Amino acid sequence: MIDLLGLPEKTYPIVGITLGVADDSQGAQIKPRVPLESFAMYEKYDQATVDKGVEQYDQQLREWWDAQQLNNMRSYAEETAAFYQNVYFPEVAKTMQQQGFQFGDE
């Protein structure tokens, strides 16, 4: 992708997209979203704000799942933690270093 787009040093392509068509026969409610204020911060990271947002979203999502009769779902916090237990793209760091990025505790 880097070569295809002719990207300069210290750039990296990131794309995220979800495509699909809702199944109207299910009559599902719109799924709640993570509150913006729990991850969009100005000037300084605030762990207490993140923690509060995760707790709030866990509760909202649990209520939504219950309304959908999905009572066996893990919490948002558990699901997110489980996702990040795996390395899905092992070549990303190497490719980013080739693009001029440096990693370390400097």
PDB file of N, CA and C in Angstrom:
ATOM      1  N   MET A   1       0.827  -1.188   0.000  1.00  0.00           N
ATOM      2  CA  MET A   1       0.000   0.000   0.000  1.00  0.00           C
ATOM      3  C   MET A   1       0.874   1.256   0.000  1.00  0.00           C
ATOM      4  N   ILE A   2       1.985   1.208   0.740  1.00  0.00           N
ATOM      5  CA  ILE A   2       2.885   2.363   0.798  1.00  0.00           C
ATOM      6  C   ILE A   2       3.422   2.690  -0.587  1.00  0.00           C
ATOM      7  N   ASP A   3       3.896   1.646  -1.287  1.00  0.00           N
ATOM      8  CA  ASP A   3       4.418   1.855  -2.645  1.00  0.00           C
ATOM      9  C   ASP A   3       3.309   2.284  -3.599  1.00  0.00           C
ATOM     10  N   LEU A   4       2.155   1.641  -3.492  1.00  0.00           N
ATOM     11  CA  LEU A   4       1.031   1.957  -4.370  1.00  0.00           C
ATOM     12  C   LEU A   4       0.637   3.428  -4.269  1.00  0.00           C
ATOM     13  N   LEU A   5       0.617   3.942  -3.046  1.00  0.00           N
ATOM     14  CA  LEU A   5       0.218   5.334  -2.821  1.00  0.00           C
ATOM     15  C   LEU A   5       1.384   6.313  -2.934  1.00  0.00           C
ATOM     16  N   GLY A   6       2.610   5.772  -3.048  1.00  0.00           N
ATOM     17  CA  GLY A   6       3.782   6.641  -3.130  1.00  0.00           C
ATOM     18  C   GLY A   6       3.966   7.478  -1.879  1.00  0.00           C
ATOM     19  N   LEU A   7       3.763   6.869  -0.712  1.00  0.00           N
ATOM     20  CA  LEU A   7       3.817   7.618   0.541  1.00  0.00           C
ATOM     21  C   LEU A   7       5.246   7.998   0.906  1.00  0.00           C
ATOM     22  N   PRO A   8       5.441   9.209   1.431  1.00  0.00           N
ATOM     23  CA  PRO A   8       6.778   9.636   1.857  1.00  0.00           C
ATOM     24  C   PRO A   8       7.144   9.023   3.205  1.00  0.00           C
ATOM     25  N   GLU A   9       8.403   9.210   3.584  1.00  0.00           N
ATOM     26  CA  GLU A   9       8.886   8.741   4.878  1.00  0.00           C
ATOM     27  C   GLU A   9       8.034   9.332   6.006  1.00  0.00           C
ATOM     28  N   LYS A  10       7.910   8.578   7.065  1.00  0.00           N
ATOM     29  CA  LYS A  10       7.156   8.950   8.273  1.00  0.00           C
ATOM     30  C   LYS A  10       5.670   9.146   8.013  1.00  0.00           C
ATOM     31  N   THR A  11       5.151   8.358   7.078  1.00  0.00           N
ATOM     32  CA  THR A  11       3.703   8.253   6.895  1.00  0.00           C
ATOM     33  C   THR A  11       3.355   6.780   6.890  1.00  0.00           C
ATOM     34  N   TYR A  12       2.123   6.463   7.276  1.00  0.00           N
ATOM     35  CA  TYR A  12       1.686   5.067   7.328  1.00  0.00           C
ATOM     36  C   TYR A  12       0.191   5.026   7.027  1.00  0.00           C
ATOM     37  N   PRO A  13      -0.220   4.187   6.083  1.00  0.00           N
ATOM     38  CA  PRO A  13      -1.652   4.138   5.733  1.00  0.00           C
ATOM     39  C   PRO A  13      -2.459   3.384   6.787  1.00  0.00           C
ATOM     40  N   ILE A  14      -3.542   3.990   7.219  1.00  0.00           N
ATOM     41  CA  ILE A  14      -4.456   3.349   8.169  1.00  0.00           C
ATOM     42  C   ILE A  14      -5.865   3.492   7.614  1.00  0.00           C
ATOM     43  N   VAL A  15      -6.552   2.377   7.490  1.00  0.00           N
ATOM     44  CA  VAL A  15      -7.902   2.381   6.930  1.00  0.00           C
ATOM     45  C   VAL A  15      -8.785   1.505   7.801  1.00  0.00           C
ATOM     46  N   GLY A  16      -9.982   1.954   8.071  1.00  0.00           N
ATOM     47  CA  GLY A  16     -10.963   1.147   8.780  1.00  0.00           C
ATOM     48  C   GLY A  16     -12.323   1.342   8.159  1.00  0.00           C
ATOM     49  N   ILE A  17     -12.981   0.252   7.835  1.00  0.00           N
ATOM     50  CA  ILE A  17     -14.295   0.361   7.199  1.00  0.00           C
ATOM     51  C   ILE A  17     -15.126  -0.864   7.567  1.00  0.00           C
ATOM     52  N   THR A  18     -16.392  -0.651   7.734  1.00  0.00           N
ATOM     53  CA  THR A  18     -17.325  -1.741   7.966  1.00  0.00           C
ATOM     54  C   THR A  18     -18.459  -1.590   6.970  1.00  0.00           C
ATOM     55  N   LEU A  19     -18.737  -2.648   6.254  1.00  0.00           N
ATOM     56  CA  LEU A  19     -19.822  -2.637   5.283  1.00  0.00           C
ATOM     57  C   LEU A  19     -20.841  -3.689   5.674  1.00  0.00           C
ATOM     58  N   GLY A  20     -22.085  -3.402   5.423  1.00  0.00           N
ATOM     59  CA  GLY A  20     -23.119  -4.381   5.721  1.00  0.00           C
ATOM     60  C   GLY A  20     -24.497  -3.779   5.544  1.00  0.00           C
ATOM     61  N   VAL A  21     -25.464  -4.642   5.593  1.00  0.00           N
ATOM     62  CA  VAL A  21     -26.856  -4.235   5.462  1.00  0.00           C
ATOM     63  C   VAL A  21     -27.602  -4.775   6.675  1.00  0.00           C
ATOM     64  N   ALA A  22     -28.327  -3.907   7.335  1.00  0.00           N
ATOM     65  CA  ALA A  22     -29.088  -4.330   8.512  1.00  0.00           C
ATOM     66  C   ALA A  22     -30.193  -5.300   8.113  1.00  0.00           C
ATOM     67  N   ASP A  23     -30.440  -6.273   8.976  1.00  0.00           N
ATOM     68  CA  ASP A  23     -31.525  -7.229   8.766  1.00  0.00           C
ATOM     69  C   ASP A  23     -32.770  -6.657   9.433  1.00  0.00           C
ATOM     70  N   ASP A  24     -33.623  -6.029   8.653  1.00  0.00           N
ATOM     71  CA  ASP A  24     -34.815  -5.373   9.186  1.00  0.00           C
ATOM     72  C   ASP A  24     -35.784  -6.340   9.849  1.00  0.00           C
ATOM     73  N   SER A  25     -35.697  -7.612   9.541  1.00  0.00           N
ATOM     74  CA  SER A  25     -36.614  -8.582  10.140  1.00  0.00           C
ATOM     75  C   SER A  25     -36.327  -8.794  11.620  1.00  0.00           C
ATOM     76  N   GLN A  26     -35.129  -8.418  12.074  1.00  0.00           N
ATOM     77  CA  GLN A  26     -34.750  -8.613  13.471  1.00  0.00           C
ATOM     78  C   GLN A  26     -35.274  -7.514  14.392  1.00  0.00           C
ATOM     79  N   GLY A  27     -35.503  -6.333  13.855  1.00  0.00           N
ATOM     80  CA  GLY A  27     -36.031  -5.240  14.672  1.00  0.00           C
ATOM     81  C   GLY A  27     -35.095  -4.800  15.782  1.00  0.00           C
ATOM     82  N   ALA A  28     -33.805  -4.896  15.575  1.00  0.00           N
ATOM     83  CA  ALA A  28     -32.834  -4.540  16.613  1.00  0.00           C
ATOM     84  C   ALA A  28     -32.767  -3.028  16.812  1.00  0.00           C
ATOM     85  N   GLN A  29     -32.481  -2.640  18.035  1.00  0.00           N
ATOM     86  CA  GLN A  29     -32.280  -1.228  18.348  1.00  0.00           C
ATOM     87  C   GLN A  29     -30.876  -0.820  17.914  1.00  0.00           C
ATOM     88  N   ILE A  30     -30.662   0.469  17.752  1.00  0.00           N
ATOM     89  CA  ILE A  30     -29.336   0.967  17.405  1.00  0.00           C
ATOM     90  C   ILE A  30     -28.405   0.753  18.591  1.00  0.00           C
ATOM     91  N   LYS A  31     -27.254   0.163  18.316  1.00  0.00           N
ATOM     92  CA  LYS A  31     -26.281  -0.133  19.368  1.00  0.00           C
ATOM     93  C   LYS A  31     -25.670   1.165  19.887  1.00  0.00           C
ATOM     94  N   PRO A  32     -25.545   1.298  21.208  1.00  0.00           N
ATOM     95  CA  PRO A  32     -24.920   2.505  21.756  1.00  0.00           C
ATOM     96  C   PRO A  32     -23.439   2.569  21.375  1.00  0.00           C
ATOM     97  N   ARG A  33     -22.889   3.757  21.390  1.00  0.00           N
ATOM     98  CA  ARG A  33     -21.484   3.980  21.056  1.00  0.00           C
ATOM     99  C   ARG A  33     -20.710   4.423  22.294  1.00  0.00           C
ATOM    100  N   VAL A  34     -19.416   4.187  22.255  1.00  0.00           N
ATOM    101  CA  VAL A  34     -18.551   4.634  23.347  1.00  0.00           C
ATOM    102  C   VAL A  34     -18.644   6.157  23.421  1.00  0.00           C
ATOM    103  N   PRO A  35     -18.856   6.709  24.614  1.00  0.00           N
ATOM    104  CA  PRO A  35     -18.978   8.163  24.738  1.00  0.00           C
ATOM    105  C   PRO A  35     -17.704   8.874  24.271  1.00  0.00           C
ATOM    106  N   LEU A  36     -17.857   9.852  23.407  1.00  0.00           N
ATOM    107  CA  LEU A  36     -16.724  10.593  22.857  1.00  0.00           C
ATOM    108  C   LEU A  36     -15.836  11.168  23.959  1.00  0.00           C
ATOM    109  N   GLU A  37     -16.448  11.689  24.995  1.00  0.00           N
ATOM    110  CA  GLU A  37     -15.664  12.324  26.055  1.00  0.00           C
ATOM    111  C   GLU A  37     -14.795  11.337  26.833  1.00  0.00           C
ATOM    112  N   SER A  38     -15.008  10.028  26.634  1.00  0.00           N
ATOM    113  CA  SER A  38     -14.181   9.050  27.342  1.00  0.00           C
ATOM    114  C   SER A  38     -12.856   8.780  26.633  1.00  0.00           C
ATOM    115  N   PHE A  39     -12.703   9.248  25.394  1.00  0.00           N
ATOM    116  CA  PHE A  39     -11.428   9.018  24.707  1.00  0.00           C
ATOM    117  C   PHE A  39     -10.909  10.231  23.935  1.00  0.00           C
ATOM    118  N   ALA A  40     -11.698  11.268  23.770  1.00  0.00           N
ATOM    119  CA  ALA A  40     -11.235  12.488  23.108  1.00  0.00           C
ATOM    120  C   ALA A  40     -10.847  13.480  24.195  1.00  0.00           C
ATOM    121  N   MET A  41      -9.553  13.731  24.324  1.00  0.00           N
ATOM    122  CA  MET A  41      -9.058  14.584  25.402  1.00  0.00           C
ATOM    123  C   MET A  41      -8.286  15.759  24.827  1.00  0.00           C
ATOM    124  N   TYR A  42      -8.214  16.809  25.588  1.00  0.00           N
ATOM    125  CA  TYR A  42      -7.533  18.018  25.156  1.00  0.00           C
ATOM    126  C   TYR A  42      -6.310  18.254  26.028  1.00  0.00           C
ATOM    127  N   GLU A  43      -5.162  18.292  25.384  1.00  0.00           N
ATOM    128  CA  GLU A  43      -3.889  18.629  26.010  1.00  0.00           C
ATOM    129  C   GLU A  43      -3.300  17.543  26.909  1.00  0.00           C
ATOM    130  N   LYS A  44      -4.120  16.792  27.650  1.00  0.00           N
ATOM    131  CA  LYS A  44      -3.574  15.856  28.628  1.00  0.00           C
ATOM    132  C   LYS A  44      -4.472  14.631  28.767  1.00  0.00           C
ATOM    133  N   TYR A  45      -3.841  13.452  28.827  1.00  0.00           N
ATOM    134  CA  TYR A  45      -4.559  12.194  29.017  1.00  0.00           C
ATOM    135  C   TYR A  45      -5.079  12.115  30.447  1.00  0.00           C
ATOM    136  N   ASP A  46      -6.308  11.639  30.613  1.00  0.00           N
ATOM    137  CA  ASP A  46      -6.926  11.546  31.935  1.00  0.00           C
ATOM    138  C   ASP A  46      -7.472  10.136  32.137  1.00  0.00           C
ATOM    139  N   GLN A  47      -6.731   9.313  32.884  1.00  0.00           N
ATOM    140  CA  GLN A  47      -7.114   7.919  33.100  1.00  0.00           C
ATOM    141  C   GLN A  47      -8.462   7.801  33.802  1.00  0.00           C
ATOM    142  N   ALA A  48      -8.759   8.694  34.732  1.00  0.00           N
ATOM    143  CA  ALA A  48     -10.041   8.638  35.441  1.00  0.00           C
ATOM    144  C   ALA A  48     -11.206   8.831  34.472  1.00  0.00           C
ATOM    145  N   THR A  49     -11.033   9.700  33.485  1.00  0.00           N
ATOM    146  CA  THR A  49     -12.071   9.920  32.474  1.00  0.00           C
ATOM    147  C   THR A  49     -12.275   8.666  31.636  1.00  0.00           C
ATOM    148  N   VAL A  50     -11.178   8.011  31.269  1.00  0.00           N
ATOM    149  CA  VAL A  50     -11.265   6.764  30.502  1.00  0.00           C
ATOM    150  C   VAL A  50     -11.986   5.700  31.321  1.00  0.00           C
ATOM    151  N   ASP A  51     -11.578   5.528  32.575  1.00  0.00           N
ATOM    152  CA  ASP A  51     -12.201   4.518  33.441  1.00  0.00           C
ATOM    153  C   ASP A  51     -13.699   4.757  33.585  1.00  0.00           C
ATOM    154  N   LYS A  52     -14.074   6.006  33.809  1.00  0.00           N
ATOM    155  CA  LYS A  52     -15.488   6.351  33.947  1.00  0.00           C
ATOM    156  C   LYS A  52     -16.243   6.051  32.648  1.00  0.00           C
ATOM    157  N   GLY A  53     -15.642   6.390  31.505  1.00  0.00           N
ATOM    158  CA  GLY A  53     -16.273   6.127  30.213  1.00  0.00           C
ATOM    159  C   GLY A  53     -16.458   4.647  29.948  1.00  0.00           C
ATOM    160  N   VAL A  54     -15.468   3.836  30.319  1.00  0.00           N
ATOM    161  CA  VAL A  54     -15.571   2.383  30.133  1.00  0.00           C
ATOM    162  C   VAL A  54     -16.684   1.822  31.007  1.00  0.00           C
ATOM    163  N   GLU A  55     -16.733   2.243  32.255  1.00  0.00           N
ATOM    164  CA  GLU A  55     -17.798   1.778  33.153  1.00  0.00           C
ATOM    165  C   GLU A  55     -19.174   2.177  32.624  1.00  0.00           C
ATOM    166  N   GLN A  56     -19.287   3.419  32.177  1.00  0.00           N
ATOM    167  CA  GLN A  56     -20.559   3.917  31.640  1.00  0.00           C
ATOM    168  C   GLN A  56     -20.965   3.109  30.407  1.00  0.00           C
ATOM    169  N   TYR A  57     -20.010   2.875  29.508  1.00  0.00           N
ATOM    170  CA  TYR A  57     -20.324   2.140  28.285  1.00  0.00           C
ATOM    171  C   TYR A  57     -20.648   0.679  28.583  1.00  0.00           C
ATOM    172  N   ASP A  58     -19.936   0.073  29.534  1.00  0.00           N
ATOM    173  CA  ASP A  58     -20.265  -1.300  29.937  1.00  0.00           C
ATOM    174  C   ASP A  58     -21.731  -1.400  30.361  1.00  0.00           C
ATOM    175  N   GLN A  59     -22.185  -0.434  31.151  1.00  0.00           N
ATOM    176  CA  GLN A  59     -23.570  -0.437  31.628  1.00  0.00           C
ATOM    177  C   GLN A  59     -24.554  -0.230  30.479  1.00  0.00           C
ATOM    178  N   GLN A  60     -24.280   0.749  29.613  1.00  0.00           N
ATOM    179  CA  GLN A  60     -25.166   1.011  28.470  1.00  0.00           C
ATOM    180  C   GLN A  60     -25.246  -0.207  27.555  1.00  0.00           C
ATOM    181  N   LEU A  61     -24.101  -0.822  27.307  1.00  0.00           N
ATOM    182  CA  LEU A  61     -24.063  -1.971  26.415  1.00  0.00           C
ATOM    183  C   LEU A  61     -24.777  -3.166  27.033  1.00  0.00           C
ATOM    184  N   ARG A  62     -24.593  -3.354  28.336  1.00  0.00           N
ATOM    185  CA  ARG A  62     -25.287  -4.457  29.021  1.00  0.00           C
ATOM    186  C   ARG A  62     -26.793  -4.274  28.890  1.00  0.00           C
ATOM    187  N   GLU A  63     -27.302  -3.078  29.088  1.00  0.00           N
ATOM    188  CA  GLU A  63     -28.737  -2.814  28.952  1.00  0.00           C
ATOM    189  C   GLU A  63     -29.201  -3.067  27.521  1.00  0.00           C
ATOM    190  N   TRP A  64     -28.391  -2.665  26.541  1.00  0.00           N
ATOM    191  CA  TRP A  64     -28.743  -2.884  25.141  1.00  0.00           C
ATOM    192  C   TRP A  64     -28.762  -4.373  24.822  1.00  0.00           C
ATOM    193  N   TRP A  65     -27.728  -5.109  25.284  1.00  0.00           N
ATOM    194  CA  TRP A  65     -27.691  -6.557  25.048  1.00  0.00           C
ATOM    195  C   TRP A  65     -28.889  -7.248  25.686  1.00  0.00           C
ATOM    196  N   ASP A  66     -29.218  -6.854  26.892  1.00  0.00           N
ATOM    197  CA  ASP A  66     -30.380  -7.450  27.563  1.00  0.00           C
ATOM    198  C   ASP A  66     -31.654  -7.208  26.756  1.00  0.00           C
ATOM    199  N   ALA A  67     -31.797  -6.002  26.207  1.00  0.00           N
ATOM    200  CA  ALA A  67     -32.978  -5.687  25.391  1.00  0.00           C
ATOM    201  C   ALA A  67     -33.006  -6.524  24.112  1.00  0.00           C
ATOM    202  N   GLN A  68     -31.827  -6.929  23.637  1.00  0.00           N
ATOM    203  CA  GLN A  68     -31.728  -7.763  22.433  1.00  0.00           C
ATOM    204  C   GLN A  68     -31.758  -9.254  22.772  1.00  0.00           C
ATOM    205  N   GLN A  69     -31.908  -9.557  24.046  1.00  0.00           N
ATOM    206  CA  GLN A  69     -31.894 -10.933  24.555  1.00  0.00           C
ATOM    207  C   GLN A  69     -30.550 -11.615  24.283  1.00  0.00           C
ATOM    208  N   LEU A  70     -29.488 -10.846  24.426  1.00  0.00           N
ATOM    209  CA  LEU A  70     -28.124 -11.358  24.289  1.00  0.00           C
ATOM    210  C   LEU A  70     -27.479 -11.341  25.671  1.00  0.00           C
ATOM    211  N   ASN A  71     -27.916 -12.232  26.517  1.00  0.00           N
ATOM    212  CA  ASN A  71     -27.526 -12.204  27.922  1.00  0.00           C
ATOM    213  C   ASN A  71     -26.177 -12.850  28.219  1.00  0.00           C
ATOM    214  N   ASN A  72     -25.544 -13.462  27.224  1.00  0.00           N
ATOM    215  CA  ASN A  72     -24.287 -14.158  27.481  1.00  0.00           C
ATOM    216  C   ASN A  72     -23.071 -13.403  26.939  1.00  0.00           C
ATOM    217  N   MET A  73     -23.209 -12.116  26.681  1.00  0.00           N
ATOM    218  CA  MET A  73     -22.126 -11.326  26.096  1.00  0.00           C
ATOM    219  C   MET A  73     -21.168 -10.823  27.177  1.00  0.00           C
ATOM    220  N   ARG A  74     -19.868 -10.792  26.838  1.00  0.00           N
ATOM    221  CA  ARG A  74     -18.874 -10.237  27.758  1.00  0.00           C
ATOM    222  C   ARG A  74     -18.999  -8.711  27.779  1.00  0.00           C
ATOM    223  N   SER A  75     -18.498  -8.114  28.837  1.00  0.00           N
ATOM    224  CA  SER A  75     -18.525  -6.651  28.927  1.00  0.00           C
ATOM    225  C   SER A  75     -17.603  -6.054  27.865  1.00  0.00           C
ATOM    226  N   TYR A  76     -17.799  -4.786  27.595  1.00  0.00           N
ATOM    227  CA  TYR A  76     -16.942  -4.065  26.651  1.00  0.00           C
ATOM    228  C   TYR A  76     -15.488  -4.146  27.102  1.00  0.00           C
ATOM    229  N   ALA A  77     -15.246  -3.945  28.394  1.00  0.00           N
ATOM    230  CA  ALA A  77     -13.882  -3.991  28.928  1.00  0.00           C
ATOM    231  C   ALA A  77     -13.270  -5.375  28.723  1.00  0.00           C
ATOM    232  N   GLU A  78     -14.019  -6.429  29.009  1.00  0.00           N
ATOM    233  CA  GLU A  78     -13.514  -7.794  28.828  1.00  0.00           C
ATOM    234  C   GLU A  78     -13.259  -8.105  27.357  1.00  0.00           C
ATOM    235  N   GLU A  79     -14.179  -7.711  26.505  1.00  0.00           N
ATOM    236  CA  GLU A  79     -14.053  -7.978  25.070  1.00  0.00           C
ATOM    237  C   GLU A  79     -12.854  -7.233  24.478  1.00  0.00           C
ATOM    238  N   THR A  80     -12.673  -5.987  24.873  1.00  0.00           N
ATOM    239  CA  THR A  80     -11.552  -5.198  24.375  1.00  0.00           C
ATOM    240  C   THR A  80     -10.224  -5.770  24.866  1.00  0.00           C
ATOM    241  N   ALA A  81     -10.157  -6.137  26.138  1.00  0.00           N
ATOM    242  CA  ALA A  81      -8.933  -6.736  26.686  1.00  0.00           C
ATOM    243  C   ALA A  81      -8.605  -8.041  25.969  1.00  0.00           C
ATOM    244  N   ALA A  82      -9.609  -8.863  25.702  1.00  0.00           N
ATOM    245  CA  ALA A  82      -9.387 -10.133  25.004  1.00  0.00           C
ATOM    246  C   ALA A  82      -8.872  -9.892  23.587  1.00  0.00           C
ATOM    247  N   PHE A  83      -9.399  -8.881  22.911  1.00  0.00           N
ATOM    248  CA  PHE A  83      -8.964  -8.568  21.545  1.00  0.00           C
ATOM    249  C   PHE A  83      -7.474  -8.259  21.502  1.00  0.00           C
ATOM    250  N   TYR A  84      -7.001  -7.484  22.460  1.00  0.00           N
ATOM    251  CA  TYR A  84      -5.609  -7.046  22.447  1.00  0.00           C
ATOM    252  C   TYR A  84      -4.640  -8.071  23.026  1.00  0.00           C
ATOM    253  N   GLN A  85      -5.094  -9.276  23.294  1.00  0.00           N
ATOM    254  CA  GLN A  85      -4.204 -10.356  23.712  1.00  0.00           C
ATOM    255  C   GLN A  85      -3.485 -10.980  22.521  1.00  0.00           C
ATOM    256  N   ASN A  86      -3.937 -10.698  21.311  1.00  0.00           N
ATOM    257  CA  ASN A  86      -3.368 -11.286  20.100  1.00  0.00           C
ATOM    258  C   ASN A  86      -2.644 -10.235  19.269  1.00  0.00           C
ATOM    259  N   VAL A  87      -1.615 -10.679  18.555  1.00  0.00           N
ATOM    260  CA  VAL A  87      -0.924  -9.824  17.595  1.00  0.00           C
ATOM    261  C   VAL A  87      -1.492 -10.174  16.228  1.00  0.00           C
ATOM    262  N   TYR A  88      -2.284  -9.274  15.668  1.00  0.00           N
ATOM    263  CA  TYR A  88      -2.971  -9.553  14.414  1.00  0.00           C
ATOM    264  C   TYR A  88      -2.144  -9.170  13.187  1.00  0.00           C
ATOM    265  N   PHE A  89      -1.286  -8.194  13.333  1.00  0.00           N
ATOM    266  CA  PHE A  89      -0.511  -7.706  12.196  1.00  0.00           C
ATOM    267  C   PHE A  89       0.965  -7.613  12.596  1.00  0.00           C
ATOM    268  N   PRO A  90       1.672  -8.752  12.597  1.00  0.00           N
ATOM    269  CA  PRO A  90       3.045  -8.768  13.112  1.00  0.00           C
ATOM    270  C   PRO A  90       4.047  -7.961  12.284  1.00  0.00           C
ATOM    271  N   GLU A  91       3.718  -7.602  11.065  1.00  0.00           N
ATOM    272  CA  GLU A  91       4.652  -6.875  10.211  1.00  0.00           C
ATOM    273  C   GLU A  91       4.528  -5.358  10.330  1.00  0.00           C
ATOM    274  N   VAL A  92       3.554  -4.879  11.077  1.00  0.00           N
ATOM    275  CA  VAL A  92       3.316  -3.433  11.140  1.00  0.00           C
ATOM    276  C   VAL A  92       4.531  -2.682  11.681  1.00  0.00           C
ATOM    277  N   ALA A  93       5.096  -3.134  12.796  1.00  0.00           N
ATOM    278  CA  ALA A  93       6.234  -2.420  13.391  1.00  0.00           C
ATOM    279  C   ALA A  93       7.406  -2.371  12.417  1.00  0.00           C
ATOM    280  N   LYS A  94       7.706  -3.489  11.769  1.00  0.00           N
ATOM    281  CA  LYS A  94       8.817  -3.529  10.811  1.00  0.00           C
ATOM    282  C   LYS A  94       8.569  -2.547   9.660  1.00  0.00           C
ATOM    283  N   THR A  95       7.364  -2.542   9.143  1.00  0.00           N
ATOM    284  CA  THR A  95       7.032  -1.643   8.037  1.00  0.00           C
ATOM    285  C   THR A  95       7.110  -0.185   8.481  1.00  0.00           C
ATOM    286  N   MET A  96       6.650   0.108   9.684  1.00  0.00           N
ATOM    287  CA  MET A  96       6.712   1.486  10.183  1.00  0.00           C
ATOM    288  C   MET A  96       8.165   1.929  10.369  1.00  0.00           C
ATOM    289  N   GLN A  97       9.030   1.011  10.836  1.00  0.00           N
ATOM    290  CA  GLN A  97      10.447   1.349  10.971  1.00  0.00           C
ATOM    291  C   GLN A  97      11.058   1.633   9.601  1.00  0.00           C
ATOM    292  N   GLN A  98      10.650   0.882   8.594  1.00  0.00           N
ATOM    293  CA  GLN A  98      11.133   1.129   7.233  1.00  0.00           C
ATOM    294  C   GLN A  98      10.674   2.500   6.731  1.00  0.00           C
ATOM    295  N   GLN A  99       9.582   2.991   7.278  1.00  0.00           N
ATOM    296  CA  GLN A  99       9.056   4.311   6.910  1.00  0.00           C
ATOM    297  C   GLN A  99       9.695   5.432   7.735  1.00  0.00           C
ATOM    298  N   GLY A 100      10.628   5.075   8.630  1.00  0.00           N
ATOM    299  CA  GLY A 100      11.356   6.088   9.383  1.00  0.00           C
ATOM    300  C   GLY A 100      10.910   6.284  10.817  1.00  0.00           C
ATOM    301  N   PHE A 101       9.900   5.544  11.258  1.00  0.00           N
ATOM    302  CA  PHE A 101       9.455   5.654  12.646  1.00  0.00           C
ATOM    303  C   PHE A 101      10.432   4.911  13.552  1.00  0.00           C
ATOM    304  N   GLN A 102      10.622   5.427  14.764  1.00  0.00           N
ATOM    305  CA  GLN A 102      11.488   4.779  15.741  1.00  0.00           C
ATOM    306  C   GLN A 102      10.666   4.447  16.971  1.00  0.00           C
ATOM    307  N   PHE A 103      10.950   3.300  17.559  1.00  0.00           N
ATOM    308  CA  PHE A 103      10.248   2.874  18.763  1.00  0.00           C
ATOM    309  C   PHE A 103      11.260   2.752  19.889  1.00  0.00           C
ATOM    310  N   GLY A 104      10.864   3.139  21.071  1.00  0.00           N
ATOM    311  CA  GLY A 104      11.746   3.017  22.218  1.00  0.00           C
ATOM    312  C   GLY A 104      11.222   3.822  23.385  1.00  0.00           C
ATOM    313  N   ASP A 105      11.998   3.819  24.441  1.00  0.00           N
ATOM    314  CA  ASP A 105      11.620   4.521  25.668  1.00  0.00           C
ATOM    315  C   ASP A 105      12.326   5.868  25.791  1.00  0.00           C
ATOM    316  N   GLU A 106      12.710   6.453  24.678  1.00  0.00           N
ATOM    317  CA  GLU A 106      13.473   7.708  24.698  1.00  0.00           C
ATOM    318  C   GLU A 106      12.664   8.855  25.205  1.00  0.00           C
TER     319      GLU A 106
END
